Amino acid sequence: MFLPEYTITNKILKNIALVEYAKALAENTPILPTVEESIQKEATIALIKSMGMEMGKDLAENQIKMAVDGLLQVVPTDLANVVKAVLETSSEQEEYTNTSLKLLYQNLVGTADPTKSLYRIQKIPKYTNPEEILADTVELMDWCQSVDALETHPIIFAGVLRARLEVLSVFEAYNSVVSNLFTRMALKWRGYNLKNFF
């Protein structure tokens, strides 16, 4: 079974305290509903833009805004896929499974064929071997639902999850984007969505 080993340093503790402070501010500061909605929309647009850049796709900000608002008659496929994947992170259902990870990737790349294997088949130095990906991913998802993970602070939990997904490099492409989005979902499930302001 996967059991992460890590060291909690003074810097980590300081950063967790800052996150807790930001969380308290976001949750307890009264904001007009229209302003709150505007901040959330700006954060979503910025996230979609940065995910697109990370994937090597130059998505125009005005197109992103129109796509998020549902005002585009024809949404370019690349943009539609990123928007769908980002909006998937707003899922309320807590599901640490290979299926939810694969669904996120399928949304991102626009692959809808469930019979097609999505896992990486090429060997990459310093990353998990392809034949071990499925077993290691199952172990990681089992750990996410374990008592150890539930007792781990959500920020540290998210850091372990993100780092492990990066090492596994599960898919052929966009592993960094998938691990980022999956970690964002996990933080939301653990109560750290910060009202979707970031």
C-alpha atoms as a PDB file:
ATOM      1  CA  MET A   1       0.000   0.000   0.000  1.00  0.00           C
ATOM      2  CA  PHE A   2       1.133   3.539  -0.728  1.00  0.00           C
ATOM      3  CA  LEU A   3       2.215   5.335   2.462  1.00  0.00           C
ATOM      4  CA  PRO A   4       3.844   8.708   1.814  1.00  0.00           C
ATOM      5  CA  GLU A   5       6.844   9.875   3.775  1.00  0.00           C
ATOM      6  CA  TYR A   6       7.417  13.591   4.158  1.00  0.00           C
ATOM      7  CA  THR A   7       8.936  16.114   6.531  1.00  0.00           C
ATOM      8  CA  ILE A   8       6.962  19.034   7.882  1.00  0.00           C
ATOM      9  CA  THR A   9       9.305  22.014   8.011  1.00  0.00           C
ATOM     10  CA  ASN A  10       8.844  25.429   9.604  1.00  0.00           C
ATOM     11  CA  LYS A  11       8.299  26.896   6.125  1.00  0.00           C
ATOM     12  CA  ILE A  12       5.489  24.403   5.438  1.00  0.00           C
ATOM     13  CA  LEU A  13       3.831  25.268   8.762  1.00  0.00           C
ATOM     14  CA  LYS A  14       4.099  28.981   7.998  1.00  0.00           C
ATOM     15  CA  ASN A  15       2.565  28.493   4.542  1.00  0.00           C
ATOM     16  CA  ILE A  16      -0.281  26.378   5.946  1.00  0.00           C
ATOM     17  CA  ALA A  17      -1.002  29.142   8.468  1.00  0.00           C
ATOM     18  CA  LEU A  18      -1.170  31.665   5.592  1.00  0.00           C
ATOM     19  CA  VAL A  19      -3.561  29.411   3.660  1.00  0.00           C
ATOM     20  CA  GLU A  20      -5.747  28.987   6.751  1.00  0.00           C
ATOM     21  CA  TYR A  21      -5.821  32.779   7.170  1.00  0.00           C
ATOM     22  CA  ALA A  22      -6.799  33.270   3.506  1.00  0.00           C
ATOM     23  CA  LYS A  23      -9.467  30.577   3.868  1.00  0.00           C
ATOM     24  CA  ALA A  24     -10.921  32.312   6.931  1.00  0.00           C
ATOM     25  CA  LEU A  25     -10.956  35.650   5.081  1.00  0.00           C
ATOM     26  CA  ALA A  26     -12.612  34.175   1.983  1.00  0.00           C
ATOM     27  CA  GLU A  27     -15.271  32.380   4.001  1.00  0.00           C
ATOM     28  CA  ASN A  28     -16.079  35.135   6.499  1.00  0.00           C
ATOM     29  CA  THR A  29     -15.742  38.419   4.603  1.00  0.00           C
ATOM     30  CA  PRO A  30     -19.161  39.632   3.465  1.00  0.00           C
ATOM     31  CA  ILE A  31     -19.186  40.354  -0.278  1.00  0.00           C
ATOM     32  CA  LEU A  32     -22.060  41.430  -2.482  1.00  0.00           C
ATOM     33  CA  PRO A  33     -23.344  38.429  -4.481  1.00  0.00           C
ATOM     34  CA  THR A  34     -22.679  40.161  -7.822  1.00  0.00           C
ATOM     35  CA  VAL A  35     -19.089  40.960  -6.831  1.00  0.00           C
ATOM     36  CA  GLU A  36     -18.593  37.397  -5.560  1.00  0.00           C
ATOM     37  CA  GLU A  37     -19.895  35.989  -8.851  1.00  0.00           C
ATOM     38  CA  SER A  38     -17.608  38.332 -10.796  1.00  0.00           C
ATOM     39  CA  ILE A  39     -14.534  37.242  -8.784  1.00  0.00           C
ATOM     40  CA  GLN A  40     -15.414  33.564  -9.289  1.00  0.00           C
ATOM     41  CA  LYS A  41     -15.847  34.067 -13.038  1.00  0.00           C
ATOM     42  CA  GLU A  42     -12.496  35.894 -13.293  1.00  0.00           C
ATOM     43  CA  ALA A  43     -10.818  33.052 -11.391  1.00  0.00           C
ATOM     44  CA  THR A  44     -12.381  30.453 -13.722  1.00  0.00           C
ATOM     45  CA  ILE A  45     -11.266  32.382 -16.805  1.00  0.00           C
ATOM     46  CA  ALA A  46      -7.726  32.739 -15.422  1.00  0.00           C
ATOM     47  CA  LEU A  47      -7.627  28.998 -14.619  1.00  0.00           C
ATOM     48  CA  ILE A  48      -8.800  28.044 -18.126  1.00  0.00           C
ATOM     49  CA  LYS A  49      -6.254  30.408 -19.676  1.00  0.00           C
ATOM     50  CA  SER A  50      -3.388  28.991 -17.585  1.00  0.00           C
ATOM     51  CA  MET A  51      -4.451  25.368 -18.256  1.00  0.00           C
ATOM     52  CA  GLY A  52      -4.520  26.142 -21.986  1.00  0.00           C
ATOM     53  CA  MET A  53      -1.045  27.684 -21.820  1.00  0.00           C
ATOM     54  CA  GLU A  54       0.256  24.654 -19.930  1.00  0.00           C
ATOM     55  CA  MET A  55      -1.142  22.455 -22.719  1.00  0.00           C
ATOM     56  CA  GLY A  56       0.539  24.625 -25.368  1.00  0.00           C
ATOM     57  CA  LYS A  57      -2.754  26.084 -26.607  1.00  0.00           C
ATOM     58  CA  ASP A  58      -3.112  29.826 -27.001  1.00  0.00           C
ATOM     59  CA  LEU A  59      -6.703  30.444 -25.920  1.00  0.00           C
ATOM     60  CA  ALA A  60      -7.953  33.995 -26.422  1.00  0.00           C
ATOM     61  CA  GLU A  61      -9.290  35.536 -23.213  1.00  0.00           C
ATOM     62  CA  ASN A  62     -12.358  37.056 -24.879  1.00  0.00           C
ATOM     63  CA  GLN A  63     -13.234  33.638 -26.362  1.00  0.00           C
ATOM     64  CA  ILE A  64     -12.837  32.041 -22.938  1.00  0.00           C
ATOM     65  CA  LYS A  65     -15.180  34.637 -21.398  1.00  0.00           C
ATOM     66  CA  MET A  66     -17.777  34.064 -24.087  1.00  0.00           C
ATOM     67  CA  ALA A  67     -17.474  30.264 -23.785  1.00  0.00           C
ATOM     68  CA  VAL A  68     -17.887  30.390 -19.984  1.00  0.00           C
ATOM     69  CA  ASP A  69     -20.948  32.637 -20.402  1.00  0.00           C
ATOM     70  CA  GLY A  70     -22.359  30.357 -23.125  1.00  0.00           C
ATOM     71  CA  LEU A  71     -22.323  33.141 -25.717  1.00  0.00           C
ATOM     72  CA  LEU A  72     -20.203  31.457 -28.401  1.00  0.00           C
ATOM     73  CA  GLN A  73     -22.183  29.904 -31.240  1.00  0.00           C
ATOM     74  CA  VAL A  74     -19.287  27.601 -32.167  1.00  0.00           C
ATOM     75  CA  VAL A  75     -16.731  26.858 -29.469  1.00  0.00           C
ATOM     76  CA  PRO A  76     -13.309  25.714 -30.782  1.00  0.00           C
ATOM     77  CA  THR A  77     -12.668  22.098 -29.749  1.00  0.00           C
ATOM     78  CA  ASP A  78      -9.521  22.873 -27.727  1.00  0.00           C
ATOM     79  CA  LEU A  79     -11.334  25.551 -25.748  1.00  0.00           C
ATOM     80  CA  ALA A  80     -14.439  23.403 -25.248  1.00  0.00           C
ATOM     81  CA  ASN A  81     -12.326  20.547 -23.862  1.00  0.00           C
ATOM     82  CA  VAL A  82     -10.463  22.753 -21.377  1.00  0.00           C
ATOM     83  CA  VAL A  83     -13.680  24.481 -20.255  1.00  0.00           C
ATOM     84  CA  LYS A  84     -15.370  21.096 -19.760  1.00  0.00           C
ATOM     85  CA  ALA A  85     -12.420  19.753 -17.746  1.00  0.00           C
ATOM     86  CA  VAL A  86     -12.223  22.880 -15.556  1.00  0.00           C
ATOM     87  CA  LEU A  87     -15.965  22.908 -14.921  1.00  0.00           C
ATOM     88  CA  GLU A  88     -15.718  19.208 -14.002  1.00  0.00           C
ATOM     89  CA  THR A  89     -13.581  20.281 -11.032  1.00  0.00           C
ATOM     90  CA  SER A  90     -16.712  21.861  -9.554  1.00  0.00           C
ATOM     91  CA  SER A  91     -18.095  18.357  -8.972  1.00  0.00           C
ATOM     92  CA  GLU A  92     -19.535  17.935  -5.479  1.00  0.00           C
ATOM     93  CA  GLN A  93     -19.301  14.138  -5.483  1.00  0.00           C
ATOM     94  CA  GLU A  94     -16.176  12.967  -3.677  1.00  0.00           C
ATOM     95  CA  GLU A  95     -14.700  10.224  -5.814  1.00  0.00           C
ATOM     96  CA  TYR A  96     -11.052   9.228  -5.500  1.00  0.00           C
ATOM     97  CA  THR A  97     -11.011   6.607  -8.256  1.00  0.00           C
ATOM     98  CA  ASN A  98      -9.188   5.777 -11.468  1.00  0.00           C
ATOM     99  CA  THR A  99     -12.494   6.379 -13.240  1.00  0.00           C
ATOM    100  CA  SER A 100     -12.750   9.990 -12.049  1.00  0.00           C
ATOM    101  CA  LEU A 101      -9.098  10.605 -12.990  1.00  0.00           C
ATOM    102  CA  LYS A 102      -9.636   9.101 -16.458  1.00  0.00           C
ATOM    103  CA  LEU A 103     -12.858  11.073 -16.931  1.00  0.00           C
ATOM    104  CA  LEU A 104     -11.004  14.288 -16.195  1.00  0.00           C
ATOM    105  CA  TYR A 105      -8.380  13.368 -18.804  1.00  0.00           C
ATOM    106  CA  GLN A 106     -11.060  12.366 -21.331  1.00  0.00           C
ATOM    107  CA  ASN A 107     -12.759  15.743 -20.875  1.00  0.00           C
ATOM    108  CA  LEU A 108      -9.439  17.502 -21.338  1.00  0.00           C
ATOM    109  CA  VAL A 109      -8.475  15.749 -24.571  1.00  0.00           C
ATOM    110  CA  GLY A 110     -11.990  15.164 -25.908  1.00  0.00           C
ATOM    111  CA  THR A 111     -11.679  11.365 -25.962  1.00  0.00           C
ATOM    112  CA  ALA A 112     -15.000   9.678 -25.375  1.00  0.00           C
ATOM    113  CA  ASP A 113     -14.153   6.063 -26.211  1.00  0.00           C
ATOM    114  CA  PRO A 114     -14.219   4.174 -22.859  1.00  0.00           C
ATOM    115  CA  THR A 115     -12.726   1.034 -24.442  1.00  0.00           C
ATOM    116  CA  LYS A 116      -9.559   2.830 -25.495  1.00  0.00           C
ATOM    117  CA  SER A 117      -6.708   2.558 -22.998  1.00  0.00           C
ATOM    118  CA  LEU A 118      -5.723   6.007 -21.835  1.00  0.00           C
ATOM    119  CA  TYR A 119      -2.705   5.064 -19.775  1.00  0.00           C
ATOM    120  CA  ARG A 120       0.792   5.911 -20.885  1.00  0.00           C
ATOM    121  CA  ILE A 121       2.495   3.114 -22.822  1.00  0.00           C
ATOM    122  CA  GLN A 122       5.906   4.722 -23.370  1.00  0.00           C
ATOM    123  CA  LYS A 123       8.695   4.440 -20.831  1.00  0.00           C
ATOM    124  CA  ILE A 124       9.958   7.758 -19.502  1.00  0.00           C
ATOM    125  CA  PRO A 125      13.114   7.886 -17.366  1.00  0.00           C
ATOM    126  CA  LYS A 126      12.492   8.777 -13.681  1.00  0.00           C
ATOM    127  CA  TYR A 127       8.738   8.134 -13.995  1.00  0.00           C
ATOM    128  CA  THR A 128       6.681   5.052 -13.173  1.00  0.00           C
ATOM    129  CA  ASN A 129       6.965   2.225 -15.704  1.00  0.00           C
ATOM    130  CA  PRO A 130       3.837   1.845 -17.868  1.00  0.00           C
ATOM    131  CA  GLU A 131       3.090  -1.679 -16.621  1.00  0.00           C
ATOM    132  CA  GLU A 132       2.992  -0.396 -13.015  1.00  0.00           C
ATOM    133  CA  ILE A 133       0.771   2.650 -13.623  1.00  0.00           C
ATOM    134  CA  LEU A 134      -2.599   0.993 -13.019  1.00  0.00           C
ATOM    135  CA  ALA A 135      -1.555  -0.733  -9.772  1.00  0.00           C
ATOM    136  CA  ASP A 136       0.205   2.383  -8.445  1.00  0.00           C
ATOM    137  CA  THR A 137      -2.775   4.593  -9.306  1.00  0.00           C
ATOM    138  CA  VAL A 138      -5.173   2.207  -7.539  1.00  0.00           C
ATOM    139  CA  GLU A 139      -2.884   2.276  -4.476  1.00  0.00           C
ATOM    140  CA  LEU A 140      -2.856   6.081  -4.530  1.00  0.00           C
ATOM    141  CA  MET A 141      -6.659   6.274  -4.750  1.00  0.00           C
ATOM    142  CA  ASP A 142      -6.949   3.725  -1.916  1.00  0.00           C
ATOM    143  CA  TRP A 143      -4.631   5.881   0.199  1.00  0.00           C
ATOM    144  CA  CYS A 144      -6.766   8.972  -0.562  1.00  0.00           C
ATOM    145  CA  GLN A 145      -9.690   7.224   1.148  1.00  0.00           C
ATOM    146  CA  SER A 146      -7.665   5.801   4.046  1.00  0.00           C
ATOM    147  CA  VAL A 147      -7.678   6.915   7.675  1.00  0.00           C
ATOM    148  CA  ASP A 148      -4.087   8.136   7.233  1.00  0.00           C
ATOM    149  CA  ALA A 149      -5.132  10.474   4.416  1.00  0.00           C
ATOM    150  CA  LEU A 150      -8.219  11.694   6.280  1.00  0.00           C
ATOM    151  CA  GLU A 151      -6.055  12.550   9.291  1.00  0.00           C
ATOM    152  CA  THR A 152      -3.530  14.406   7.117  1.00  0.00           C
ATOM    153  CA  HIS A 153      -4.029  18.161   6.824  1.00  0.00           C
ATOM    154  CA  PRO A 154      -5.830  18.909   3.507  1.00  0.00           C
ATOM    155  CA  ILE A 155      -2.961  21.067   2.201  1.00  0.00           C
ATOM    156  CA  ILE A 156      -0.360  18.376   2.870  1.00  0.00           C
ATOM    157  CA  PHE A 157      -2.756  15.761   1.490  1.00  0.00           C
ATOM    158  CA  ALA A 158      -3.098  17.798  -1.720  1.00  0.00           C
ATOM    159  CA  GLY A 159       0.671  18.195  -1.979  1.00  0.00           C
ATOM    160  CA  VAL A 160       1.219  14.434  -1.626  1.00  0.00           C
ATOM    161  CA  LEU A 161      -1.534  13.699  -4.157  1.00  0.00           C
ATOM    162  CA  ARG A 162      -0.171  16.180  -6.698  1.00  0.00           C
ATOM    163  CA  ALA A 163       3.437  14.998  -6.294  1.00  0.00           C
ATOM    164  CA  ARG A 164       2.464  11.330  -6.617  1.00  0.00           C
ATOM    165  CA  LEU A 165       0.360  11.966  -9.741  1.00  0.00           C
ATOM    166  CA  GLU A 166       3.296  13.834 -11.273  1.00  0.00           C
ATOM    167  CA  VAL A 167       5.639  10.898 -10.582  1.00  0.00           C
ATOM    168  CA  LEU A 168       3.132   8.380 -11.938  1.00  0.00           C
ATOM    169  CA  SER A 169       2.655  10.459 -15.109  1.00  0.00           C
ATOM    170  CA  VAL A 170      -0.414   8.340 -15.823  1.00  0.00           C
ATOM    171  CA  PHE A 171      -1.372   9.538 -19.302  1.00  0.00           C
ATOM    172  CA  GLU A 172       0.382  10.091 -22.621  1.00  0.00           C
ATOM    173  CA  ALA A 173       0.027  13.873 -22.390  1.00  0.00           C
ATOM    174  CA  TYR A 174      -1.058  16.729 -20.125  1.00  0.00           C
ATOM    175  CA  ASN A 175      -0.194  14.942 -16.876  1.00  0.00           C
ATOM    176  CA  SER A 176       0.655  18.193 -15.115  1.00  0.00           C
ATOM    177  CA  VAL A 177      -2.707  19.702 -16.070  1.00  0.00           C
ATOM    178  CA  VAL A 178      -4.627  16.583 -14.989  1.00  0.00           C
ATOM    179  CA  SER A 179      -2.785  16.376 -11.662  1.00  0.00           C
ATOM    180  CA  ASN A 180      -3.430  20.083 -11.064  1.00  0.00           C
ATOM    181  CA  LEU A 181      -7.158  19.781 -11.788  1.00  0.00           C
ATOM    182  CA  PHE A 182      -7.563  16.550  -9.815  1.00  0.00           C
ATOM    183  CA  THR A 183      -5.780  18.113  -6.842  1.00  0.00           C
ATOM    184  CA  ARG A 184      -8.079  21.149  -7.066  1.00  0.00           C
ATOM    185  CA  MET A 185     -11.064  18.793  -6.912  1.00  0.00           C
ATOM    186  CA  ALA A 186      -9.557  16.991  -3.921  1.00  0.00           C
ATOM    187  CA  LEU A 187      -9.010  20.295  -2.105  1.00  0.00           C
ATOM    188  CA  LYS A 188     -12.623  21.247  -2.763  1.00  0.00           C
ATOM    189  CA  TRP A 189     -13.827  17.901  -1.417  1.00  0.00           C
ATOM    190  CA  ARG A 190     -11.726  18.533   1.711  1.00  0.00           C
ATOM    191  CA  GLY A 191     -13.274  21.998   2.221  1.00  0.00           C
ATOM    192  CA  TYR A 192     -10.608  24.151   0.582  1.00  0.00           C
ATOM    193  CA  ASN A 193     -12.292  25.609  -2.490  1.00  0.00           C
ATOM    194  CA  LEU A 194     -12.038  29.108  -0.937  1.00  0.00           C
ATOM    195  CA  LYS A 195     -15.380  30.013  -2.591  1.00  0.00           C
ATOM    196  CA  ASN A 196     -13.715  29.444  -5.992  1.00  0.00           C
ATOM    197  CA  PHE A 197     -11.965  32.815  -5.683  1.00  0.00           C
ATOM    198  CA  PHE A 198      -8.531  31.466  -6.729  1.00  0.00           C
END
